[in-house]
Amino acid sequence: MRVVLIAAISLFLGSALDTARADPYPWCALLNMGDASYNCYFSTLQQCQATVSGVGGMCLPNQFYDGRPLSSPSRRPS
């Protein structure tokens, strides 16, 4: 009985969780402020360059960007 209950709970939780998605932002900033840190929340190269100007750093393509637009749960294809 416990095995059936655990299997049912696992099945429910597995179907309730959302699938993993790639990062929707194509550009990352490698900032040189003390310790190097990454900020990968830039939609355009110009946004990234504006952030690193004055503080030092460089812009790099986001290695986890796949080019697909995000879809909200209500707009998922069937």
PDB file of N, CA and C in Angstrom:
ATOM      1  N   MET A   1       0.823  -1.197   0.000  1.00  0.00           N
ATOM      2  CA  MET A   1       0.000   0.000   0.000  1.00  0.00           C
ATOM      3  C   MET A   1       0.872   1.269   0.000  1.00  0.00           C
ATOM      4  N   ARG A   2       1.973   1.241   0.761  1.00  0.00           N
ATOM      5  CA  ARG A   2       2.856   2.408   0.809  1.00  0.00           C
ATOM      6  C   ARG A   2       3.499   2.665  -0.543  1.00  0.00           C
ATOM      7  N   VAL A   3       3.839   1.614  -1.245  1.00  0.00           N
ATOM      8  CA  VAL A   3       4.465   1.768  -2.556  1.00  0.00           C
ATOM      9  C   VAL A   3       3.505   2.449  -3.523  1.00  0.00           C
ATOM     10  N   VAL A   4       2.253   2.065  -3.476  1.00  0.00           N
ATOM     11  CA  VAL A   4       1.240   2.672  -4.348  1.00  0.00           C
ATOM     12  C   VAL A   4       1.062   4.139  -4.003  1.00  0.00           C
ATOM     13  N   LEU A   5       1.019   4.445  -2.707  1.00  0.00           N
ATOM     14  CA  LEU A   5       0.859   5.829  -2.270  1.00  0.00           C
ATOM     15  C   LEU A   5       2.061   6.676  -2.686  1.00  0.00           C
ATOM     16  N   ILE A   6       3.263   6.173  -2.499  1.00  0.00           N
ATOM     17  CA  ILE A   6       4.472   6.901  -2.892  1.00  0.00           C
ATOM     18  C   ILE A   6       4.520   7.092  -4.402  1.00  0.00           C
ATOM     19  N   ALA A   7       4.128   6.076  -5.161  1.00  0.00           N
ATOM     20  CA  ALA A   7       4.105   6.192  -6.620  1.00  0.00           C
ATOM     21  C   ALA A   7       3.085   7.238  -7.061  1.00  0.00           C
ATOM     22  N   ALA A   8       1.931   7.266  -6.429  1.00  0.00           N
ATOM     23  CA  ALA A   8       0.892   8.238  -6.787  1.00  0.00           C
ATOM     24  C   ALA A   8       1.353   9.665  -6.471  1.00  0.00           C
ATOM     25  N   ILE A   9       1.978   9.834  -5.309  1.00  0.00           N
ATOM     26  CA  ILE A   9       2.476  11.166  -4.939  1.00  0.00           C
ATOM     27  C   ILE A   9       3.585  11.598  -5.897  1.00  0.00           C
ATOM     28  N   SER A  10       4.486  10.696  -6.232  1.00  0.00           N
ATOM     29  CA  SER A  10       5.564  11.017  -7.172  1.00  0.00           C
ATOM     30  C   SER A  10       5.021  11.394  -8.539  1.00  0.00           C
ATOM     31  N   LEU A  11       4.037  10.667  -9.000  1.00  0.00           N
ATOM     32  CA  LEU A  11       3.421  10.963 -10.285  1.00  0.00           C
ATOM     33  C   LEU A  11       2.745  12.325 -10.266  1.00  0.00           C
ATOM     34  N   PHE A  12       2.030  12.623  -9.192  1.00  0.00           N
ATOM     35  CA  PHE A  12       1.353  13.915  -9.069  1.00  0.00           C
ATOM     36  C   PHE A  12       2.362  15.060  -9.041  1.00  0.00           C
ATOM     37  N   LEU A  13       3.390  14.946  -8.206  1.00  0.00           N
ATOM     38  CA  LEU A  13       4.387  16.014  -8.112  1.00  0.00           C
ATOM     39  C   LEU A  13       5.166  16.179  -9.414  1.00  0.00           C
ATOM     40  N   GLY A  14       5.475  15.086 -10.075  1.00  0.00           N
ATOM     41  CA  GLY A  14       6.181  15.156 -11.341  1.00  0.00           C
ATOM     42  C   GLY A  14       5.385  15.859 -12.423  1.00  0.00           C
ATOM     43  N   SER A  15       4.083  15.660 -12.435  1.00  0.00           N
ATOM     44  CA  SER A  15       3.250  16.316 -13.444  1.00  0.00           C
ATOM     45  C   SER A  15       2.932  17.753 -13.071  1.00  0.00           C
ATOM     46  N   ALA A  16       3.009  18.089 -11.787  1.00  0.00           N
ATOM     47  CA  ALA A  16       2.690  19.445 -11.342  1.00  0.00           C
ATOM     48  C   ALA A  16       3.863  20.401 -11.531  1.00  0.00           C
ATOM     49  N   LEU A  17       5.072  19.880 -11.553  1.00  0.00           N
ATOM     50  CA  LEU A  17       6.241  20.738 -11.701  1.00  0.00           C
ATOM     51  C   LEU A  17       6.404  21.196 -13.138  1.00  0.00           C
ATOM     52  N   ASP A  18       6.917  22.388 -13.290  1.00  0.00           N
ATOM     53  CA  ASP A  18       7.130  22.956 -14.618  1.00  0.00           C
ATOM     54  C   ASP A  18       8.431  22.421 -15.202  1.00  0.00           C
ATOM     55  N   THR A  19       8.499  22.371 -16.516  1.00  0.00           N
ATOM     56  CA  THR A  19       9.706  21.895 -17.176  1.00  0.00           C
ATOM     57  C   THR A  19      10.784  22.978 -17.134  1.00  0.00           C
ATOM     58  N   ALA A  20      12.024  22.575 -17.253  1.00  0.00           N
ATOM     59  CA  ALA A  20      13.134  23.525 -17.249  1.00  0.00           C
ATOM     60  C   ALA A  20      13.157  24.296 -18.559  1.00  0.00           C
ATOM     61  N   ARG A  21      13.573  25.535 -18.469  1.00  0.00           N
ATOM     62  CA  ARG A  21      13.669  26.388 -19.655  1.00  0.00           C
ATOM     63  C   ARG A  21      15.043  27.014 -19.706  1.00  0.00           C
ATOM     64  N   ALA A  22      15.440  27.350 -20.895  1.00  0.00           N
ATOM     65  CA  ALA A  22      16.704  28.051 -21.061  1.00  0.00           C
ATOM     66  C   ALA A  22      16.522  29.517 -20.678  1.00  0.00           C
ATOM     67  N   ASP A  23      17.604  30.188 -20.469  1.00  0.00           N
ATOM     68  CA  ASP A  23      17.597  31.591 -20.093  1.00  0.00           C
ATOM     69  C   ASP A  23      17.117  32.442 -21.264  1.00  0.00           C
ATOM     70  N   PRO A  24      16.167  33.371 -21.043  1.00  0.00           N
ATOM     71  CA  PRO A  24      15.634  34.174 -22.151  1.00  0.00           C
ATOM     72  C   PRO A  24      16.479  35.400 -22.502  1.00  0.00           C
ATOM     73  N   TYR A  25      17.582  35.619 -21.823  1.00  0.00           N
ATOM     74  CA  TYR A  25      18.396  36.807 -22.069  1.00  0.00           C
ATOM     75  C   TYR A  25      19.683  36.429 -22.798  1.00  0.00           C
ATOM     76  N   PRO A  26      19.926  37.025 -23.976  1.00  0.00           N
ATOM     77  CA  PRO A  26      21.073  36.614 -24.788  1.00  0.00           C
ATOM     78  C   PRO A  26      22.425  37.173 -24.354  1.00  0.00           C
ATOM     79  N   TRP A  27      22.471  38.165 -23.441  1.00  0.00           N
ATOM     80  CA  TRP A  27      23.747  38.789 -23.100  1.00  0.00           C
ATOM     81  C   TRP A  27      24.018  38.769 -21.608  1.00  0.00           C
ATOM     82  N   CYS A  28      25.290  38.552 -21.272  1.00  0.00           N
ATOM     83  CA  CYS A  28      25.760  38.579 -19.884  1.00  0.00           C
ATOM     84  C   CYS A  28      26.852  39.628 -19.740  1.00  0.00           C
ATOM     85  N   ALA A  29      26.897  40.258 -18.578  1.00  0.00           N
ATOM     86  CA  ALA A  29      27.974  41.192 -18.263  1.00  0.00           C
ATOM     87  C   ALA A  29      28.887  40.529 -17.251  1.00  0.00           C
ATOM     88  N   LEU A  30      30.169  40.524 -17.539  1.00  0.00           N
ATOM     89  CA  LEU A  30      31.179  40.084 -16.586  1.00  0.00           C
ATOM     90  C   LEU A  30      31.715  41.352 -15.952  1.00  0.00           C
ATOM     91  N   LEU A  31      31.315  41.606 -14.707  1.00  0.00           N
ATOM     92  CA  LEU A  31      31.662  42.852 -14.032  1.00  0.00           C
ATOM     93  C   LEU A  31      32.935  42.678 -13.230  1.00  0.00           C
ATOM     94  N   ASN A  32      33.792  43.688 -13.271  1.00  0.00           N
ATOM     95  CA  ASN A  32      35.070  43.660 -12.557  1.00  0.00           C
ATOM     96  C   ASN A  32      34.996  44.551 -11.324  1.00  0.00           C
ATOM     97  N   MET A  33      34.161  44.192 -10.388  1.00  0.00           N
ATOM     98  CA  MET A  33      34.037  44.970  -9.155  1.00  0.00           C
ATOM     99  C   MET A  33      34.509  44.098  -8.000  1.00  0.00           C
ATOM    100  N   GLY A  34      35.802  44.169  -7.661  1.00  0.00           N
ATOM    101  CA  GLY A  34      36.347  43.287  -6.629  1.00  0.00           C
ATOM    102  C   GLY A  34      36.405  41.876  -7.168  1.00  0.00           C
ATOM    103  N   ASP A  35      35.498  41.049  -6.744  1.00  0.00           N
ATOM    104  CA  ASP A  35      35.372  39.701  -7.300  1.00  0.00           C
ATOM    105  C   ASP A  35      34.577  39.787  -8.593  1.00  0.00           C
ATOM    106  N   ALA A  36      34.998  39.041  -9.581  1.00  0.00           N
ATOM    107  CA  ALA A  36      34.271  39.032 -10.860  1.00  0.00           C
ATOM    108  C   ALA A  36      32.891  38.426 -10.647  1.00  0.00           C
ATOM    109  N   SER A  37      31.881  39.041 -11.221  1.00  0.00           N
ATOM    110  CA  SER A  37      30.526  38.513 -11.107  1.00  0.00           C
ATOM    111  C   SER A  37      29.821  38.628 -12.454  1.00  0.00           C
ATOM    112  N   TYR A  38      28.873  37.723 -12.674  1.00  0.00           N
ATOM    113  CA  TYR A  38      28.091  37.708 -13.904  1.00  0.00           C
ATOM    114  C   TYR A  38      26.703  38.273 -13.647  1.00  0.00           C
ATOM    115  N   ASN A  39      26.190  38.980 -14.645  1.00  0.00           N
ATOM    116  CA  ASN A  39      24.811  39.450 -14.634  1.00  0.00           C
ATOM    117  C   ASN A  39      24.257  39.128 -16.008  1.00  0.00           C
ATOM    118  N   CYS A  40      23.351  38.179 -16.088  1.00  0.00           N
ATOM    119  CA  CYS A  40      22.823  37.720 -17.384  1.00  0.00           C
ATOM    120  C   CYS A  40      21.373  38.132 -17.587  1.00  0.00           C
ATOM    121  N   TYR A  41      21.067  39.400 -17.412  1.00  0.00           N
ATOM    122  CA  TYR A  41      19.695  39.882 -17.573  1.00  0.00           C
ATOM    123  C   TYR A  41      19.613  41.001 -18.603  1.00  0.00           C
ATOM    124  N   PHE A  42      20.239  40.784 -19.762  1.00  0.00           N
ATOM    125  CA  PHE A  42      20.249  41.819 -20.794  1.00  0.00           C
ATOM    126  C   PHE A  42      19.657  41.285 -22.086  1.00  0.00           C
ATOM    127  N   SER A  43      18.693  42.031 -22.619  1.00  0.00           N
ATOM    128  CA  SER A  43      18.050  41.643 -23.872  1.00  0.00           C
ATOM    129  C   SER A  43      18.846  42.098 -25.081  1.00  0.00           C
ATOM    130  N   THR A  44      19.612  43.173 -24.928  1.00  0.00           N
ATOM    131  CA  THR A  44      20.393  43.685 -26.051  1.00  0.00           C
ATOM    132  C   THR A  44      21.844  43.906 -25.628  1.00  0.00           C
ATOM    133  N   LEU A  45      22.718  43.906 -26.606  1.00  0.00           N
ATOM    134  CA  LEU A  45      24.134  44.176 -26.353  1.00  0.00           C
ATOM    135  C   LEU A  45      24.303  45.600 -25.817  1.00  0.00           C
ATOM    136  N   GLN A  46      23.503  46.541 -26.292  1.00  0.00           N
ATOM    137  CA  GLN A  46      23.607  47.929 -25.861  1.00  0.00           C
ATOM    138  C   GLN A  46      23.275  48.065 -24.367  1.00  0.00           C
ATOM    139  N   GLN A  47      22.283  47.318 -23.871  1.00  0.00           N
ATOM    140  CA  GLN A  47      21.960  47.347 -22.442  1.00  0.00           C
ATOM    141  C   GLN A  47      23.155  46.873 -21.620  1.00  0.00           C
ATOM    142  N   CYS A  48      23.763  45.804 -22.073  1.00  0.00           N
ATOM    143  CA  CYS A  48      24.919  45.250 -21.375  1.00  0.00           C
ATOM    144  C   CYS A  48      26.077  46.234 -21.380  1.00  0.00           C
ATOM    145  N   GLN A  49      26.362  46.824 -22.525  1.00  0.00           N
ATOM    146  CA  GLN A  49      27.475  47.760 -22.632  1.00  0.00           C
ATOM    147  C   GLN A  49      27.257  48.991 -21.760  1.00  0.00           C
ATOM    148  N   ALA A  50      26.017  49.455 -21.655  1.00  0.00           N
ATOM    149  CA  ALA A  50      25.726  50.600 -20.799  1.00  0.00           C
ATOM    150  C   ALA A  50      25.978  50.259 -19.335  1.00  0.00           C
ATOM    151  N   THR A  51      25.726  49.023 -18.950  1.00  0.00           N
ATOM    152  CA  THR A  51      25.948  48.605 -17.571  1.00  0.00           C
ATOM    153  C   THR A  51      27.431  48.533 -17.226  1.00  0.00           C
ATOM    154  N   VAL A  52      28.227  47.989 -18.122  1.00  0.00           N
ATOM    155  CA  VAL A  52      29.653  47.826 -17.812  1.00  0.00           C
ATOM    156  C   VAL A  52      30.457  49.110 -18.021  1.00  0.00           C
ATOM    157  N   SER A  53      29.911  50.080 -18.741  1.00  0.00           N
ATOM    158  CA  SER A  53      30.663  51.317 -18.945  1.00  0.00           C
ATOM    159  C   SER A  53      30.773  52.059 -17.619  1.00  0.00           C
ATOM    160  N   GLY A  54      31.965  52.434 -17.273  1.00  0.00           N
ATOM    161  CA  GLY A  54      32.194  53.169 -16.035  1.00  0.00           C
ATOM    162  C   GLY A  54      32.572  52.293 -14.865  1.00  0.00           C
ATOM    163  N   VAL A  55      32.144  51.040 -14.837  1.00  0.00           N
ATOM    164  CA  VAL A  55      32.498  50.156 -13.724  1.00  0.00           C
ATOM    165  C   VAL A  55      33.505  49.103 -14.139  1.00  0.00           C
ATOM    166  N   GLY A  56      33.709  48.975 -15.427  1.00  0.00           N
ATOM    167  CA  GLY A  56      34.644  47.982 -15.943  1.00  0.00           C
ATOM    168  C   GLY A  56      33.975  46.636 -16.121  1.00  0.00           C
ATOM    169  N   GLY A  57      34.408  45.942 -17.105  1.00  0.00           N
ATOM    170  CA  GLY A  57      33.844  44.638 -17.400  1.00  0.00           C
ATOM    171  C   GLY A  57      33.693  44.455 -18.892  1.00  0.00           C
ATOM    172  N   MET A  58      33.049  43.369 -19.249  1.00  0.00           N
ATOM    173  CA  MET A  58      32.828  43.099 -20.665  1.00  0.00           C
ATOM    174  C   MET A  58      31.531  42.321 -20.845  1.00  0.00           C
ATOM    175  N   CYS A  59      30.994  42.380 -22.051  1.00  0.00           N
ATOM    176  CA  CYS A  59      29.760  41.681 -22.380  1.00  0.00           C
ATOM    177  C   CYS A  59      30.076  40.408 -23.151  1.00  0.00           C
ATOM    178  N   LEU A  60      29.395  39.340 -22.776  1.00  0.00           N
ATOM    179  CA  LEU A  60      29.594  38.039 -23.400  1.00  0.00           C
ATOM    180  C   LEU A  60      28.247  37.445 -23.775  1.00  0.00           C
ATOM    181  N   PRO A  61      28.200  36.634 -24.829  1.00  0.00           N
ATOM    182  CA  PRO A  61      26.948  35.938 -25.130  1.00  0.00           C
ATOM    183  C   PRO A  61      26.607  34.968 -23.994  1.00  0.00           C
ATOM    184  N   ASN A  62      25.334  34.877 -23.670  1.00  0.00           N
ATOM    185  CA  ASN A  62      24.859  33.973 -22.626  1.00  0.00           C
ATOM    186  C   ASN A  62      24.891  32.549 -23.172  1.00  0.00           C
ATOM    187  N   GLN A  63      25.656  31.677 -22.556  1.00  0.00           N
ATOM    188  CA  GLN A  63      25.805  30.313 -23.053  1.00  0.00           C
ATOM    189  C   GLN A  63      24.545  29.479 -22.869  1.00  0.00           C
ATOM    190  N   PHE A  64      23.602  29.933 -22.051  1.00  0.00           N
ATOM    191  CA  PHE A  64      22.370  29.187 -21.824  1.00  0.00           C
ATOM    192  C   PHE A  64      21.195  29.728 -22.628  1.00  0.00           C
ATOM    193  N   TYR A  65      21.424  30.732 -23.461  1.00  0.00           N
ATOM    194  CA  TYR A  65      20.363  31.317 -24.287  1.00  0.00           C
ATOM    195  C   TYR A  65      20.112  30.412 -25.484  1.00  0.00           C
ATOM    196  N   ASP A  66      18.843  30.078 -25.723  1.00  0.00           N
ATOM    197  CA  ASP A  66      18.535  29.198 -26.855  1.00  0.00           C
ATOM    198  C   ASP A  66      17.731  29.879 -27.954  1.00  0.00           C
ATOM    199  N   GLY A  67      17.353  31.135 -27.771  1.00  0.00           N
ATOM    200  CA  GLY A  67      16.670  31.876 -28.818  1.00  0.00           C
ATOM    201  C   GLY A  67      15.174  31.699 -28.864  1.00  0.00           C
ATOM    202  N   ARG A  68      14.649  30.781 -28.071  1.00  0.00           N
ATOM    203  CA  ARG A  68      13.205  30.578 -28.076  1.00  0.00           C
ATOM    204  C   ARG A  68      12.538  31.549 -27.116  1.00  0.00           C
ATOM    205  N   PRO A  69      11.392  32.108 -27.493  1.00  0.00           N
ATOM    206  CA  PRO A  69      10.691  33.006 -26.576  1.00  0.00           C
ATOM    207  C   PRO A  69      10.085  32.222 -25.418  1.00  0.00           C
ATOM    208  N   LEU A  70       9.925  32.903 -24.297  1.00  0.00           N
ATOM    209  CA  LEU A  70       9.274  32.281 -23.150  1.00  0.00           C
ATOM    210  C   LEU A  70       7.797  32.141 -23.415  1.00  0.00           C
ATOM    211  N   SER A  71       7.207  31.083 -22.910  1.00  0.00           N
ATOM    212  CA  SER A  71       5.751  30.936 -23.001  1.00  0.00           C
ATOM    213  C   SER A  71       5.210  30.861 -21.590  1.00  0.00           C
ATOM    214  N   SER A  72       4.150  31.586 -21.360  1.00  0.00           N
ATOM    215  CA  SER A  72       3.539  31.544 -20.039  1.00  0.00           C
ATOM    216  C   SER A  72       2.693  30.281 -19.931  1.00  0.00           C
ATOM    217  N   PRO A  73       2.402  29.820 -18.713  1.00  0.00           N
ATOM    218  CA  PRO A  73       1.620  28.596 -18.558  1.00  0.00           C
ATOM    219  C   PRO A  73       0.258  28.649 -19.249  1.00  0.00           C
ATOM    220  N   SER A  74      -0.330  29.838 -19.321  1.00  0.00           N
ATOM    221  CA  SER A  74      -1.644  29.955 -19.961  1.00  0.00           C
ATOM    222  C   SER A  74      -1.562  29.956 -21.480  1.00  0.00           C
ATOM    223  N   ARG A  75      -0.359  30.145 -22.058  1.00  0.00           N
ATOM    224  CA  ARG A  75      -0.230  30.221 -23.513  1.00  0.00           C
ATOM    225  C   ARG A  75       0.562  29.054 -24.085  1.00  0.00           C
ATOM    226  N   ARG A  76       0.687  27.985 -23.344  1.00  0.00           N
ATOM    227  CA  ARG A  76       1.420  26.825 -23.855  1.00  0.00           C
ATOM    228  C   ARG A  76       0.696  26.166 -25.002  1.00  0.00           C
ATOM    229  N   PRO A  77       1.446  25.723 -25.997  1.00  0.00           N
ATOM    230  CA  PRO A  77       0.788  24.998 -27.088  1.00  0.00           C
ATOM    231  C   PRO A  77       0.263  23.657 -26.605  1.00  0.00           C
ATOM    232  N   SER A  78      -0.817  23.213 -27.210  1.00  0.00           N
ATOM    233  CA  SER A  78      -1.435  21.950 -26.791  1.00  0.00           C
ATOM    234  C   SER A  78      -0.729  20.767 -27.406  1.00  0.00           C
TER     235      SER A  78
END
